[in-house]
Each structure stands twice: as structure tokens, then as C-alpha cells.
Amino acid sequence: MKTKLTHPIFKIVSEAASEMNIPAYVIGGWVRDLLLNRPCKDIDIAAIGSGIELAELTAKKLGSHYHVNVYKNFGTAQIVYEDYDIEFVGARKESYRLESRKPIVENGTLEDDQNRRDFTINALAISLSKDNYGELLDPFNGIKDMEARILRTPLDPDITFSDDPLRMMRAIRFAAQLNYTIDPKSLESIKKNKDRIKIISKERITDEINKIILSPVPSIGFKLLFDTGLLHIIFSKMVLLYGVENRNGKSHKDNFYHTLEVLDNICKTTTDLWLRWAAILHDIAKPQTKRFEPDHGWTFHGHEDKGSRMVPQIFAELKLPLNEKMKYVQKLVLLHLRPIVLAKSEVTDSAVRRLLFEAGDDIDDLMKLCEADITSKNEYKVQKYLKNFELVRHKLKEIEEKDNIRNWQPPISGEDIMKTFNIPAGRQVGIIKNAIREAILDGLIKNEYDEAYHFMINEAEKIGLKNN
């Protein structure tokens, strides 16, 4: 079978390989995505010889401004061409020690290189040699597996997954990204070898988790992680959400599957990784806050506050960034019930002002999260909530236009208070500043300097301060 390689880089690599008198192939993910009509910017070139030398000659043909990054320890080289990341490697065969995922590498044939690939759909290769340029080589029936939408390992899955346990995560990630089924033998092997994932670094595991989260329907991946037992090892706090408890005929919903519904829902409105993480973590503290009250049934009071305080620890454990991304997720977890409470009751200007003040520029994302959180099977209930959320959105817009509260700073600063009353920084300044803020948020005074100033004078008198 011949394939059409339209990008000019392949002709240039072909010419370089011909000059070196070695066969070369484009192999792996780029070939898979070409056949699936998916965009891919990562190109792997396998040379039956020195991949580094082939990269250097290719760069020379491209022009003097193209630089080769050489990784001698791995026997690989990389060129960035236009917006493509091209990696060159000599075809190789690998063997592994039980305690490590770092292989013992030897030079090999194309067949050896295809044998070491993770899945049949990633073992496809296209020849770049002049005598059979464009010919597709498919030794493991990867095309048939694509047509059947199945993920299968080229060799015995126990060997494939034990050799490199990250492949178990990759299998689940591809299943989520492509909506493929993992073949039964490979799935059983993941369950059997799940504990091998412990030798993989947290960073690499989390990279795969993030790719699952960014897939079109992430619940596919998380259900597989749960069913294989991998989730219990890599993110046990999420597993604690699983299950339903029944007492006195009253039960609560399964918060694990509810979380996955919320995650899938929010994926319809955003591709933002951190907003999707907020969906995953919005109810993370429900297991710790679960109580049964005879008069009310199951409650989870304070789960939003406790969940928000759990976010830094979870981010640290998963090696996620401990920066403004983490604070953003924390804020959304903390506030995720607020619009829902507003939607259940009469929407007051004061409550909306407070929500705008606390959410700031993240108010739109918070509203998306809250709408995604409606997972009731009762269609009437869903429509009622959505209608109420529209009212909340309208009120948010109205109050923002009128009072300009989003990312608001009170018109009287702490320095203004200290200067007016000739007092140092301390408790008294805080009391007056908080009183001004609360008065504006409650609508007692306008968000402007003159009204705030007069209010400040009155509040100061209450605690014995006079204007100098």
C-alpha cells in the first residue's frame, strides 16, 4: 500500500538517507494520525543506521540556520522545522530489567523497532527510501485495528506493559482520545501489571492524566483508570468519591460518577485544562464531610471550603504547578456552590456584588462550572436550574455595569485611612477598611470616593478616632 507524503521534509530526509546509503522510515504516531486525518506536529524518523548522522545531514540540506539537538545518551537527535518537531533515531531493539523502565538498547532492524512499539496502530511505518518511497509497512495489522477501533499491543501485553509501565497509561489515554476499545487481553494485562506503575515518575504519570483530561470525553479514560485499579495507585483521593451509602432508606448519589458527568459536561464548553481540573476537584472533600442527619438525610456541609484547602496538597502530590493555576482551581472549588445557592433563591444585588467581588475575572468560568454541575436525571429540574442561572447571569451583567465590582478595589485605601486619622497600620485600619467594603457590597453606599469618605468618618468615630 502506497501513501502520499506531501510535506517537503520527507523528500529532504529521503535524499539524506540515500546519500548515506541507509534505509529510513517515518514511523509511529505521525503515520497513525495521517491515516486517521488527525493533525500531528511530532514526526519520528527511524534510520537503519545512525539517526544522529541522518539528522545532521538533513539539517545541512535544510540550511545553515537549522540546528540539531543531539541526545547522545539516548542515541537520538531533534530538528525543529517550521512548526514540526522531528526526532531521528537509529532503529533499535530493547531489553529491560525488572526494577527499571530504562531499556538496554542495541542497534536493530526495522522489525526490531516495530516490535518495541506500544500498540499496533503505532507500529506503522512509511518508507522514505527511493526504491519504495511512500510504501506503508504494517506487520501487526494496525490498519485492521484502526478500522475496528481497537488498541492492541504488538507483542505479549504482559511484556509490553511490564517493560514500560507508562504504556498502560498511554493505552487508556489513546482510548479516551480516539474513543477506541482496549482489547480484552491487553486490558486484563493492565489490571495484572498495575503495580508496575509505581516505578514511573509522578511527572510522567500526570502528563498522561492531563492528556486524558484534555480528551473529548475524559470519563472514558477515568472509568478505565478506575476499573483497572490504576487510579487507586495514582490518584487515590478521587477513588474515595466512589460508592453509595444507604441508611434508613436514604442514599446519596455516587460522587465519583457524578464528578465524571460534571467533567464531561464542562468539556462541551471549554478546552481549558485548569477549568477541567476544577470540575474534577469540585466535590473532592465530600468523603471527608459526609454526615447522616436523621431529619435531612446525607449532608456534605463545608465540602467546598475543605476541598479548596485540599487543592494545594493534591497539586503537590501530582506535581502540578503550585502557582496561579493552582490558586485559580482553589477559588473555583471554594465558590462552586455560590451561584447554585443564588439560582435556588431570589437573587439580591448584595449577593451578586459579593460573588462578583470574590470571583473577579473568573466569574464566567465559575458559571460554566456550576452549569456543568447540574447532573439531575429530572429534566424539569435541569431546565429550572438553567433558567435560574440565566437570571443570575443577567443580574451579574447588570450589577457589573452599574457598580463595576469585578476586580474591584475600595475607593478608600488603608493608606488613606492612616493618613486621615494619623494612625499606624493595625487593627483599627482593618476595621474601617472592612466596614467600607461591606457597606459597598451591601449597597449601603455607592462605590465612589465621596460616599466612602463620609462613611469612613462615621465608622472611625464609633471606635474613638477623629479626623486630624
Protein backbone atom coordinates (compact mmCIF):
# COMPACT_ATOMS: atom_id res chain seq x y z
CA MET A 1 0.00 0.00 0.00
CA LYS A 2 1.36 3.43 -1.02
CA THR A 3 0.72 6.62 0.92
CA LYS A 4 1.14 10.19 -0.26
CA LEU A 5 3.73 12.18 1.69
CA THR A 6 3.09 15.79 0.77
CA HIS A 7 5.31 17.60 3.24
CA PRO A 8 8.70 18.59 1.70
CA ILE A 9 10.65 17.46 4.78
CA PHE A 10 10.21 13.80 3.78
CA LYS A 11 11.89 14.27 0.39
CA ILE A 12 14.81 16.01 2.10
CA VAL A 13 15.20 13.18 4.65
CA SER A 14 14.93 10.69 1.78
CA GLU A 15 17.75 12.40 -0.10
CA ALA A 16 19.96 12.46 3.01
CA ALA A 17 19.29 8.75 3.69
CA SER A 18 20.09 7.93 0.05
CA GLU A 19 23.43 9.76 0.29
CA MET A 20 24.24 7.80 3.45
CA ASN A 21 23.08 4.60 1.71
CA ILE A 22 20.78 3.64 4.60
CA PRO A 23 17.03 2.92 4.74
CA ALA A 24 14.88 5.43 6.66
CA TYR A 25 11.24 5.43 7.67
CA VAL A 26 8.68 7.77 9.19
CA ILE A 27 7.16 5.71 11.98
CA GLY A 28 4.69 5.76 14.87
CA GLY A 29 2.22 8.45 15.86
CA TRP A 30 2.61 10.68 12.81
CA VAL A 31 1.74 7.76 10.49
CA ARG A 32 -1.22 6.81 12.68
CA ASP A 33 -2.56 10.38 12.66
CA LEU A 34 -2.02 10.71 8.91
CA LEU A 35 -4.28 7.70 8.37
CA LEU A 36 -6.81 9.00 10.92
CA ASN A 37 -6.77 12.50 9.38
CA ARG A 38 -5.68 13.97 12.70
CA PRO A 39 -3.20 16.87 12.93
CA CYS A 40 0.20 15.91 14.31
CA LYS A 41 3.31 18.07 14.68
CA ASP A 42 5.64 15.35 16.02
CA ILE A 43 7.45 13.32 13.37
CA ASP A 44 9.59 10.28 14.28
CA ILE A 45 12.20 9.15 11.75
CA ALA A 46 13.79 5.70 12.20
CA ALA A 47 17.08 5.08 10.42
CA ILE A 48 18.65 1.66 9.89
CA GLY A 49 21.94 3.19 10.94
CA SER A 50 22.83 6.39 12.78
CA GLY A 51 19.81 8.57 13.46
CA ILE A 52 22.10 11.36 14.70
CA GLU A 53 24.12 11.43 11.47
CA LEU A 54 20.93 11.40 9.40
CA ALA A 55 19.62 14.38 11.41
CA GLU A 56 22.87 16.30 10.88
CA LEU A 57 22.84 15.73 7.11
CA THR A 58 19.14 16.64 6.91
CA ALA A 59 19.80 19.90 8.79
CA LYS A 60 22.67 20.69 6.43
CA LYS A 61 20.32 20.26 3.46
CA LEU A 62 17.67 22.46 5.10
CA GLY A 63 20.13 25.34 5.54
CA SER A 64 22.72 26.69 7.96
CA HIS A 65 20.17 28.25 10.33
CA TYR A 66 18.68 24.83 11.26
CA HIS A 67 20.13 23.49 14.49
CA VAL A 68 20.37 19.83 15.55
CA ASN A 69 19.80 18.98 19.21
CA VAL A 70 21.76 15.79 19.91
CA TYR A 71 20.97 13.47 22.84
CA LYS A 72 23.86 11.01 22.77
CA ASN A 73 22.73 9.09 25.85
CA PHE A 74 19.53 8.16 24.02
CA GLY A 75 21.02 7.92 20.54
CA THR A 76 18.53 10.49 19.25
CA ALA A 77 18.60 13.90 17.58
CA GLN A 78 15.96 16.56 17.01
CA ILE A 79 15.31 19.31 14.48
CA VAL A 80 12.57 21.92 14.72
CA TYR A 81 11.43 22.63 11.15
CA GLU A 82 8.67 25.19 10.62
CA ASP A 83 6.25 24.15 13.41
CA TYR A 84 7.20 20.46 13.27
CA ASP A 85 9.28 18.67 15.90
CA ILE A 86 11.27 16.00 14.05
CA GLU A 87 13.07 13.32 16.05
CA PHE A 88 15.64 10.98 14.49
CA VAL A 89 16.65 7.66 16.00
CA GLY A 90 18.51 4.62 14.83
CA ALA A 91 16.26 1.53 14.66
CA ARG A 92 16.85 -0.47 17.80
CA LYS A 93 15.82 -3.40 19.91
CA GLU A 94 15.38 -3.13 23.64
CA SER A 95 15.51 -5.35 26.72
CA TYR A 96 14.52 -4.37 30.26
CA ARG A 97 15.46 -5.09 33.84
CA LEU A 98 12.55 -5.71 36.23
CA GLU A 99 13.27 -2.75 38.54
CA SER A 100 13.68 -0.13 35.82
CA ARG A 101 11.87 1.17 32.75
CA LYS A 102 15.22 2.26 31.23
CA PRO A 103 15.99 -0.22 28.46
CA ILE A 104 19.23 -1.84 27.43
CA VAL A 105 19.41 -0.66 23.83
CA GLU A 106 21.11 -2.35 20.87
CA ASN A 107 21.12 -1.48 17.17
CA GLY A 108 18.37 -3.32 15.36
CA THR A 109 16.32 -3.74 12.24
CA LEU A 110 13.07 -2.02 11.30
CA GLU A 111 11.29 -5.17 12.53
CA ASP A 112 13.03 -4.87 15.92
CA ASP A 113 11.96 -1.23 16.12
CA GLN A 114 8.34 -2.05 15.29
CA ASN A 115 8.33 -4.91 17.84
CA ARG A 116 9.21 -2.49 20.65
CA ARG A 117 6.29 -0.14 19.86
CA ASP A 118 3.44 0.12 22.36
CA PHE A 119 0.43 -0.56 20.10
CA THR A 120 -0.17 -1.97 16.65
CA ILE A 121 -1.56 1.39 15.47
CA ASN A 122 1.75 2.99 16.49
CA ALA A 123 3.92 0.35 14.80
CA LEU A 124 3.05 1.53 11.28
CA ALA A 125 5.92 2.81 9.15
CA ILE A 126 6.25 4.50 5.76
CA SER A 127 9.41 4.03 3.75
CA LEU A 128 11.48 7.07 2.78
CA SER A 129 13.91 5.03 0.66
CA LYS A 130 13.95 5.96 -3.03
CA ASP A 131 13.18 2.47 -4.31
CA ASN A 132 9.91 2.12 -2.33
CA TYR A 133 9.18 5.70 -1.22
CA GLY A 134 5.73 6.02 0.39
CA GLU A 135 5.18 2.29 0.93
CA LEU A 136 3.26 1.51 4.13
CA LEU A 137 4.69 -1.28 6.31
CA ASP A 138 2.12 -2.80 8.68
CA PRO A 139 3.49 -6.02 10.25
CA PHE A 140 0.90 -6.24 13.06
CA ASN A 141 -2.31 -5.40 11.15
CA GLY A 142 -2.50 -1.93 12.68
CA ILE A 143 -4.78 -0.81 9.82
CA LYS A 144 -7.31 -3.53 10.71
CA ASP A 145 -7.14 -2.48 14.38
CA MET A 146 -7.79 1.12 13.33
CA GLU A 147 -10.83 0.02 11.34
CA ALA A 148 -12.05 -1.99 14.34
CA ARG A 149 -11.13 0.88 16.71
CA ILE A 150 -9.12 -1.46 18.93
CA LEU A 151 -5.91 -0.87 20.91
CA ARG A 152 -3.70 -3.94 20.97
CA THR A 153 -0.02 -4.48 21.75
CA PRO A 154 2.24 -5.87 19.00
CA LEU A 155 3.76 -8.48 21.33
CA ASP A 156 2.54 -10.15 24.54
CA PRO A 157 0.92 -7.30 26.56
CA ASP A 158 2.46 -8.60 29.82
CA ILE A 159 5.91 -8.00 28.32
CA THR A 160 4.92 -4.67 26.73
CA PHE A 161 3.41 -3.24 29.93
CA SER A 162 5.91 -4.70 32.36
CA ASP A 163 8.83 -3.42 30.24
CA ASP A 164 7.47 0.12 30.18
CA PRO A 165 4.55 0.58 32.61
CA LEU A 166 3.78 4.07 31.27
CA ARG A 167 2.30 2.26 28.25
CA MET A 168 -0.64 1.28 30.46
CA MET A 169 -1.43 4.98 30.93
CA ARG A 170 -0.88 5.58 27.21
CA ALA A 171 -3.34 2.79 26.34
CA ILE A 172 -6.02 4.47 28.43
CA ARG A 173 -5.12 7.91 27.08
CA PHE A 174 -5.45 6.72 23.45
CA ALA A 175 -8.76 5.04 24.32
CA ALA A 176 -10.04 8.40 25.60
CA GLN A 177 -8.57 10.49 22.78
CA LEU A 178 -9.66 8.22 19.92
CA ASN A 179 -12.70 6.58 21.55
CA TYR A 180 -11.09 3.16 20.98
CA THR A 181 -11.60 -0.07 22.92
CA ILE A 182 -8.63 -1.74 24.62
CA ASP A 183 -8.65 -5.38 23.56
CA PRO A 184 -9.59 -7.79 26.41
CA LYS A 185 -6.16 -9.44 26.66
CA SER A 186 -4.40 -6.06 26.93
CA LEU A 187 -6.98 -4.76 29.43
CA GLU A 188 -6.53 -7.83 31.63
CA SER A 189 -2.77 -7.33 31.43
CA ILE A 190 -3.09 -3.73 32.68
CA LYS A 191 -5.03 -4.99 35.72
CA LYS A 192 -2.36 -7.63 36.33
CA ASN A 193 0.59 -5.24 35.94
CA LYS A 194 -0.93 -2.12 37.54
CA ASP A 195 1.52 -2.06 40.45
CA ARG A 196 4.40 -1.62 38.00
CA ILE A 197 3.20 1.98 37.51
CA LYS A 198 4.90 2.79 40.84
CA ILE A 199 8.32 2.88 39.16
CA ILE A 200 7.20 5.71 36.85
CA SER A 201 7.80 9.32 37.92
CA LYS A 202 4.81 11.40 39.06
CA GLU A 203 5.57 13.97 36.35
CA ARG A 204 5.17 11.43 33.53
CA ILE A 205 2.03 9.95 35.04
CA THR A 206 0.45 13.39 35.48
CA ASP A 207 1.36 14.31 31.90
CA GLU A 208 -0.77 11.35 30.76
CA ILE A 209 -3.58 12.28 33.21
CA ASN A 210 -3.63 15.79 31.74
CA LYS A 211 -3.86 14.37 28.21
CA ILE A 212 -6.81 12.22 29.32
CA ILE A 213 -8.45 15.30 30.86
CA LEU A 214 -7.98 17.19 27.59
CA SER A 215 -9.54 14.39 25.51
CA PRO A 216 -13.05 14.91 24.05
CA VAL A 217 -14.76 12.63 26.61
CA PRO A 218 -12.40 12.27 29.62
CA SER A 219 -14.77 9.96 31.52
CA ILE A 220 -13.77 7.15 29.13
CA GLY A 221 -10.22 7.38 30.46
CA PHE A 222 -11.12 7.81 34.12
CA LYS A 223 -13.50 4.84 34.08
CA LEU A 224 -10.70 2.70 32.61
CA LEU A 225 -8.23 4.01 35.19
CA PHE A 226 -10.73 3.08 37.92
CA ASP A 227 -11.68 -0.33 36.50
CA THR A 228 -8.04 -1.39 36.01
CA GLY A 229 -7.04 -0.26 39.53
CA LEU A 230 -4.52 2.31 38.25
CA LEU A 231 -6.49 5.23 39.68
CA HIS A 232 -6.28 3.70 43.16
CA ILE A 233 -2.49 3.96 42.89
CA ILE A 234 -2.01 7.27 41.05
CA PHE A 235 -4.88 9.36 42.48
CA SER A 236 -6.45 7.57 45.44
CA LYS A 237 -8.31 10.67 46.72
CA MET A 238 -10.51 10.58 43.64
CA VAL A 239 -11.35 6.91 44.27
CA LEU A 240 -12.75 7.85 47.71
CA LEU A 241 -15.63 9.58 45.89
CA TYR A 242 -16.84 6.17 44.64
CA GLY A 243 -19.81 4.39 46.14
CA VAL A 244 -23.30 4.92 47.53
CA GLU A 245 -24.25 4.53 51.19
CA ASN A 246 -27.81 3.83 52.23
CA ARG A 247 -29.18 4.49 55.71
CA ASN A 248 -32.80 4.46 56.86
CA GLY A 249 -33.87 4.18 53.23
CA LYS A 250 -31.96 7.33 52.28
CA SER A 251 -28.97 7.23 49.94
CA HIS A 252 -26.69 9.81 48.32
CA LYS A 253 -25.51 9.87 44.71
CA ASP A 254 -22.24 8.23 43.67
CA ASN A 255 -19.93 11.23 43.74
CA PHE A 256 -17.30 9.55 41.57
CA TYR A 257 -19.63 9.10 38.62
CA HIS A 258 -21.23 12.49 39.31
CA THR A 259 -17.76 14.06 39.06
CA LEU A 260 -17.18 12.35 35.71
CA GLU A 261 -20.53 13.67 34.45
CA VAL A 262 -19.56 17.20 35.50
CA LEU A 263 -16.18 16.79 33.78
CA ASP A 264 -17.77 15.61 30.52
CA ASN A 265 -20.33 18.42 30.74
CA ILE A 266 -17.73 21.13 31.13
CA CYS A 267 -15.72 19.73 28.21
CA LYS A 268 -18.61 20.80 25.95
CA THR A 269 -17.91 24.46 26.79
CA THR A 270 -14.14 24.68 27.42
CA THR A 271 -10.78 23.21 26.43
CA ASP A 272 -9.07 24.85 29.41
CA LEU A 273 -7.13 22.22 31.39
CA TRP A 274 -7.45 24.04 34.72
CA LEU A 275 -11.19 24.60 34.48
CA ARG A 276 -11.47 20.87 33.77
CA TRP A 277 -9.33 20.21 36.87
CA ALA A 278 -11.74 22.38 38.87
CA ALA A 279 -14.56 20.11 37.67
CA ILE A 280 -12.61 17.03 38.87
CA LEU A 281 -11.90 18.56 42.29
CA HIS A 282 -15.13 20.47 42.97
CA ASP A 283 -16.52 17.71 45.26
CA ILE A 284 -13.20 16.14 46.28
CA ALA A 285 -13.87 16.73 50.02
CA LYS A 286 -17.31 15.09 50.08
CA PRO A 287 -15.98 11.80 51.56
CA GLN A 288 -14.42 13.72 54.47
CA THR A 289 -17.51 15.90 55.12
CA LYS A 290 -20.21 13.24 54.68
CA ARG A 291 -22.67 13.06 57.58
CA PHE A 292 -26.06 11.41 58.06
CA GLU A 293 -28.66 13.59 59.76
CA PRO A 294 -31.93 11.75 60.56
CA ASP A 295 -34.06 14.77 59.67
CA HIS A 296 -32.22 15.74 56.47
CA GLY A 297 -30.51 12.61 55.21
CA TRP A 298 -26.97 12.81 53.87
CA THR A 299 -25.14 16.14 54.07
CA PHE A 300 -21.73 17.37 52.93
CA HIS A 301 -21.58 20.69 54.81
CA GLY A 302 -18.41 22.68 54.16
CA HIS A 303 -17.10 20.38 51.42
CA GLU A 304 -16.37 23.40 49.21
CA ASP A 305 -14.18 25.02 51.88
CA LYS A 306 -12.36 21.80 52.83
CA GLY A 307 -11.99 20.88 49.15
CA SER A 308 -10.40 24.24 48.41
CA ARG A 309 -7.89 23.66 51.23
CA MET A 310 -7.08 20.20 49.81
CA VAL A 311 -6.15 21.56 46.37
CA PRO A 312 -2.52 22.60 47.19
CA GLN A 313 -1.74 19.18 48.67
CA ILE A 314 -3.26 17.37 45.66
CA PHE A 315 -1.34 19.60 43.23
CA ALA A 316 1.89 18.96 45.15
CA GLU A 317 1.33 15.17 45.18
CA LEU A 318 0.62 15.10 41.44
CA LYS A 319 3.49 17.50 40.63
CA LEU A 320 1.06 20.01 39.16
CA PRO A 321 2.15 23.69 39.22
CA LEU A 322 1.90 25.39 42.62
CA ASN A 323 1.24 28.81 41.11
CA GLU A 324 -1.67 30.94 39.91
CA LYS A 325 -3.15 27.87 38.13
CA MET A 326 -3.49 26.14 41.49
CA LYS A 327 -5.00 29.28 43.08
CA TYR A 328 -7.49 29.51 40.21
CA VAL A 329 -8.64 25.91 40.80
CA GLN A 330 -8.78 26.58 44.56
CA LYS A 331 -11.00 29.62 44.03
CA LEU A 332 -13.44 27.77 41.76
CA VAL A 333 -13.69 24.83 44.18
CA LEU A 334 -14.36 27.25 47.06
CA LEU A 335 -17.03 29.23 45.19
CA HIS A 336 -18.71 26.47 43.17
CA LEU A 337 -21.86 26.37 45.35
CA ARG A 338 -22.42 30.12 45.43
CA PRO A 339 -24.19 30.58 42.06
CA ILE A 340 -26.23 27.44 42.76
CA VAL A 341 -27.47 28.97 46.04
CA LEU A 342 -28.31 32.17 44.15
CA ALA A 343 -30.17 30.19 41.49
CA LYS A 344 -32.30 28.50 44.17
CA SER A 345 -33.45 31.71 45.81
CA GLU A 346 -34.28 35.30 44.99
CA VAL A 347 -31.22 36.98 43.51
CA THR A 348 -30.33 40.06 45.58
CA ASP A 349 -27.98 42.81 44.42
CA SER A 350 -25.89 42.35 47.56
CA ALA A 351 -25.33 38.62 46.96
CA VAL A 352 -24.40 39.25 43.33
CA ARG A 353 -21.96 42.02 44.30
CA ARG A 354 -20.23 39.66 46.75
CA LEU A 355 -19.98 36.92 44.15
CA LEU A 356 -18.51 39.33 41.59
CA PHE A 357 -16.05 40.68 44.16
CA GLU A 358 -14.82 37.22 45.17
CA ALA A 359 -14.77 35.62 41.70
CA GLY A 360 -13.35 38.61 39.80
CA ASP A 361 -12.36 37.75 36.22
CA ASP A 362 -13.10 34.08 36.86
CA ILE A 363 -16.86 34.64 37.22
CA ASP A 364 -17.63 33.35 33.70
CA ASP A 365 -15.64 30.15 34.32
CA LEU A 366 -17.39 29.72 37.68
CA MET A 367 -20.78 29.95 35.95
CA LYS A 368 -19.67 27.30 33.41
CA LEU A 369 -18.64 25.01 36.27
CA CYS A 370 -21.97 25.49 38.05
CA GLU A 371 -23.98 24.76 34.91
CA ALA A 372 -21.88 21.64 34.31
CA ASP A 373 -22.64 20.59 37.92
CA ILE A 374 -26.33 20.08 37.09
CA THR A 375 -26.49 16.31 36.54
CA SER A 376 -30.02 15.54 37.67
CA LYS A 377 -31.93 12.91 35.68
CA ASN A 378 -35.06 15.04 36.23
CA GLU A 379 -35.29 17.13 33.05
CA TYR A 380 -37.73 19.59 34.64
CA LYS A 381 -35.25 20.21 37.47
CA VAL A 382 -32.39 20.71 35.00
CA GLN A 383 -34.34 23.23 32.92
CA LYS A 384 -35.43 25.07 36.07
CA TYR A 385 -31.81 25.43 37.25
CA LEU A 386 -30.59 26.51 33.81
CA LYS A 387 -33.34 29.13 33.63
CA ASN A 388 -32.38 30.41 37.08
CA PHE A 389 -28.72 30.53 36.06
CA GLU A 390 -29.71 32.73 33.12
CA LEU A 391 -31.29 35.09 35.65
CA VAL A 392 -28.08 35.04 37.71
CA ARG A 393 -26.01 35.78 34.58
CA HIS A 394 -28.30 38.69 33.70
CA LYS A 395 -28.03 40.06 37.23
CA LEU A 396 -24.22 39.68 37.17
CA LYS A 397 -24.03 41.71 33.98
CA GLU A 398 -26.41 44.36 35.32
CA ILE A 399 -24.56 44.79 38.63
CA GLU A 400 -21.15 44.80 36.91
CA GLU A 401 -22.24 47.57 34.53
CA LYS A 402 -23.76 49.58 37.38
CA ASP A 403 -21.24 49.10 40.20
CA ASN A 404 -18.04 47.98 38.45
CA ILE A 405 -17.29 45.44 41.20
CA ARG A 406 -15.26 42.85 39.24
CA ASN A 407 -11.58 43.05 40.31
CA TRP A 408 -12.68 45.99 42.44
CA GLN A 409 -10.53 47.85 44.92
CA PRO A 410 -12.39 50.00 47.51
CA PRO A 411 -12.11 53.78 46.79
CA ILE A 412 -10.54 54.31 50.25
CA SER A 413 -7.22 52.53 50.80
CA GLY A 414 -5.51 51.58 54.04
CA GLU A 415 -3.02 54.40 53.45
CA ASP A 416 -5.89 56.90 53.12
CA ILE A 417 -7.25 55.77 56.50
CA MET A 418 -3.82 56.00 58.20
CA LYS A 419 -3.19 59.49 56.79
CA THR A 420 -6.68 60.81 57.65
CA PHE A 421 -6.53 59.74 61.29
CA ASN A 422 -2.74 59.78 61.73
CA ILE A 423 -2.61 56.17 62.93
CA PRO A 424 -0.19 53.33 62.12
CA ALA A 425 -1.10 50.15 60.26
CA GLY A 426 -3.02 47.84 62.54
CA ARG A 427 -6.37 46.55 63.76
CA GLN A 428 -8.19 49.91 63.60
CA VAL A 429 -7.30 50.37 59.92
CA GLY A 430 -8.58 46.88 59.19
CA ILE A 431 -11.90 47.51 60.98
CA ILE A 432 -12.61 50.69 58.98
CA LYS A 433 -11.46 49.20 55.68
CA ASN A 434 -13.67 46.12 56.13
CA ALA A 435 -16.64 48.27 57.11
CA ILE A 436 -16.30 50.35 53.90
CA ARG A 437 -16.02 47.22 51.77
CA GLU A 438 -19.06 45.58 53.38
CA ALA A 439 -21.13 48.76 53.06
CA ILE A 440 -20.43 48.97 49.33
CA LEU A 441 -21.11 45.25 48.79
CA ASP A 442 -24.39 45.56 50.75
CA GLY A 443 -25.39 48.57 48.66
CA LEU A 444 -25.49 50.94 51.67
CA ILE A 445 -23.14 53.38 49.92
CA LYS A 446 -22.05 53.80 46.30
CA ASN A 447 -18.70 52.59 45.02
CA GLU A 448 -17.24 56.13 44.92
CA TYR A 449 -14.78 58.20 46.95
CA ASP A 450 -17.05 60.88 48.47
CA GLU A 451 -19.64 58.49 49.90
CA ALA A 452 -16.92 56.15 51.12
CA TYR A 453 -15.06 59.05 52.76
CA HIS A 454 -18.10 60.22 54.75
CA PHE A 455 -18.86 56.64 55.75
CA MET A 456 -15.22 56.25 56.91
CA ILE A 457 -15.51 59.31 59.18
CA ASN A 458 -18.67 57.93 60.81
CA GLU A 459 -17.17 54.47 61.31
CA ALA A 460 -14.00 55.95 62.79
CA GLU A 461 -16.00 57.88 65.36
CA LYS A 462 -17.58 54.63 66.53
CA ILE A 463 -14.15 53.34 67.57
CA GLY A 464 -12.99 56.66 69.03
CA LEU A 465 -10.99 58.08 66.11
CA LYS A 466 -11.21 61.68 64.94
CA ASN A 467 -10.19 63.33 61.68
CA ASN A 468 -6.99 65.34 62.03
